[in-house]
């Protein structure tokens, strides 16, 4: 297994964005399961993943499939009292950093609960206000 994937499996559930940021490419793109949008950039993606790590509980990876730069990591977790399963689709760049991180998740009720919990968190995190302002000006 690629060392970045091994390390990601160790840190992603901790919700510590500084540990996650070390694995991300500067221009990383993150596609969440909660809406059709893309977060771009190390700081933004690390912040989002840090919050996700705080929302999920009982998180564990069940299976890992992949080779080279392309990986799929199946996980299970809870969002509040709801069970969820999903897949992290990871593409690494040539430096071994995460360049693309896409999440597919089910069931819908758990994804909706994740979206609600994430919206509540980002509304109280001043970094996200700055991220939105930068997007609207860019």
Protein backbone atom coordinates (compact mmCIF):
# COMPACT_ATOMS: atom_id res chain seq x y z
CA UNK A 1 0.00 0.00 0.00
CA UNK A 2 1.18 3.53 -0.73
CA UNK A 3 2.55 5.28 2.41
CA UNK A 4 0.23 8.28 1.90
CA UNK A 5 -2.81 5.98 1.94
CA UNK A 6 -1.54 4.21 5.07
CA UNK A 7 -1.01 7.55 6.82
CA UNK A 8 -4.39 8.87 5.66
CA UNK A 9 -6.11 5.85 7.18
CA UNK A 10 -4.40 6.66 10.49
CA UNK A 11 -5.28 10.36 10.64
CA UNK A 12 -8.56 10.97 8.80
CA UNK A 13 -10.84 9.77 11.61
CA UNK A 14 -9.00 11.87 14.19
CA UNK A 15 -10.37 15.08 12.70
CA UNK A 16 -7.00 16.82 13.14
CA UNK A 17 -6.73 19.03 10.10
CA UNK A 18 -3.01 19.70 10.62
CA UNK A 19 -2.28 15.99 10.20
CA UNK A 20 -4.57 15.81 7.17
CA UNK A 21 -3.05 18.94 5.57
CA UNK A 22 0.38 17.29 5.47
CA UNK A 23 -1.01 14.68 3.05
CA UNK A 24 -2.68 17.10 0.64
CA UNK A 25 -1.31 18.67 -2.52
CA UNK A 26 -1.44 22.48 -2.57
CA UNK A 27 -4.05 22.35 -5.36
CA UNK A 28 -6.05 19.40 -3.97
CA UNK A 29 -9.71 19.11 -4.99
CA UNK A 30 -12.35 17.64 -2.66
CA UNK A 31 -15.78 16.52 -3.85
CA UNK A 32 -18.09 15.91 -0.86
CA UNK A 33 -21.10 13.59 -0.77
CA UNK A 34 -23.40 16.31 0.55
CA UNK A 35 -23.67 18.60 -2.47
CA UNK A 36 -22.44 19.10 -6.01
CA UNK A 37 -19.46 21.38 -5.50
CA UNK A 38 -15.70 21.16 -5.28
CA UNK A 39 -13.48 22.51 -2.53
CA UNK A 40 -10.04 23.45 -3.86
CA UNK A 41 -6.80 24.10 -2.02
CA UNK A 42 -4.96 22.58 0.93
CA UNK A 43 -6.28 24.96 3.62
CA UNK A 44 -9.92 24.66 2.57
CA UNK A 45 -9.90 20.90 2.12
CA UNK A 46 -8.03 20.30 5.39
CA UNK A 47 -10.58 22.48 7.22
CA UNK A 48 -13.52 20.59 5.71
CA UNK A 49 -11.99 17.18 6.44
CA UNK A 50 -11.16 18.28 9.98
CA UNK A 51 -14.82 19.08 10.60
CA UNK A 52 -15.95 15.82 8.98
CA UNK A 53 -13.65 13.92 11.33
CA UNK A 54 -15.45 15.59 14.25
CA UNK A 55 -18.93 14.80 12.88
CA UNK A 56 -18.26 11.12 12.14
CA UNK A 57 -18.05 8.65 15.02
CA UNK A 58 -17.09 4.98 15.10
CA UNK A 59 -15.22 5.58 11.84
CA UNK A 60 -13.20 2.75 10.35
CA UNK A 61 -11.98 1.66 6.96
CA UNK A 62 -13.29 -1.77 5.93
CA UNK A 63 -11.54 -2.38 2.62
CA UNK A 64 -8.79 -0.76 0.60
CA UNK A 65 -8.48 -1.27 -3.14
CA UNK A 66 -5.99 0.31 -5.44
CA UNK A 67 -2.54 0.58 -6.85
CA UNK A 68 -0.17 3.31 -7.93
CA UNK A 69 -1.92 6.68 -7.75
CA UNK A 70 -5.57 5.51 -7.68
CA UNK A 71 -7.23 4.21 -4.50
CA UNK A 72 -10.70 3.38 -3.19
CA UNK A 73 -11.17 3.09 0.57
CA UNK A 74 -14.48 1.73 1.82
CA UNK A 75 -15.51 3.04 5.24
CA UNK A 76 -18.28 2.77 7.78
CA UNK A 77 -19.22 5.28 10.46
CA UNK A 78 -22.02 6.92 12.35
CA UNK A 79 -23.45 10.39 11.82
CA UNK A 80 -25.21 11.02 15.10
CA UNK A 81 -27.11 7.79 15.68
CA UNK A 82 -27.37 6.94 11.97
CA UNK A 83 -25.20 4.31 10.29
CA UNK A 84 -23.41 5.17 7.07
CA UNK A 85 -21.08 3.53 4.58
CA UNK A 86 -19.05 5.17 1.90
CA UNK A 87 -16.03 5.17 -0.32
CA UNK A 88 -13.14 7.63 -0.42
CA UNK A 89 -11.85 7.82 -4.00
CA UNK A 90 -8.29 9.10 -3.84
CA UNK A 91 -5.90 10.12 -6.59
CA UNK A 92 -2.29 10.87 -5.68
CA UNK A 93 0.01 13.13 -7.65
CA UNK A 94 3.55 12.11 -8.64
CA UNK A 95 4.87 13.47 -5.33
CA UNK A 96 2.57 11.08 -3.44
CA UNK A 97 0.25 13.83 -2.21
CA UNK A 98 -3.54 13.59 -2.35
CA UNK A 99 -4.55 15.55 -5.42
CA UNK A 100 -8.20 14.47 -5.72
CA UNK A 101 -10.44 13.29 -2.88
CA UNK A 102 -14.02 12.33 -3.75
CA UNK A 103 -16.51 10.78 -1.33
CA UNK A 104 -19.56 8.68 -2.19
CA UNK A 105 -21.80 7.78 0.74
CA UNK A 106 -25.15 6.21 1.65
CA UNK A 107 -27.91 6.06 2.84
CA UNK A 108 -29.50 9.38 1.95
CA UNK A 109 -30.74 9.97 5.51
CA UNK A 110 -27.15 9.77 6.84
CA UNK A 111 -25.84 12.04 4.08
CA UNK A 112 -28.56 14.58 4.94
CA UNK A 113 -27.55 14.40 8.62
CA UNK A 114 -23.92 14.95 7.62
CA UNK A 115 -24.87 17.97 5.53
CA UNK A 116 -26.87 19.47 8.41
CA UNK A 117 -24.03 18.91 10.90
CA UNK A 118 -21.42 20.33 8.52
CA UNK A 119 -23.53 23.41 7.75
CA UNK A 120 -23.87 24.10 11.48
CA UNK A 121 -20.10 23.78 11.94
CA UNK A 122 -18.99 25.92 9.01
CA UNK A 123 -21.40 28.71 9.95
CA UNK A 124 -19.48 29.14 13.21
CA UNK A 125 -15.98 28.76 11.70
CA UNK A 126 -14.63 32.17 10.58
CA UNK A 127 -12.34 30.53 8.03
CA UNK A 128 -15.33 29.49 5.93
CA UNK A 129 -16.63 33.04 5.80
CA UNK A 130 -13.21 34.05 4.45
CA UNK A 131 -13.24 31.14 1.97
CA UNK A 132 -16.69 32.21 0.67
CA UNK A 133 -15.59 35.84 0.35
CA UNK A 134 -12.50 34.80 -1.60
CA UNK A 135 -14.66 32.69 -3.92
CA UNK A 136 -17.09 35.52 -4.57
CA UNK A 137 -14.22 37.89 -5.40
CA UNK A 138 -12.31 35.38 -7.53
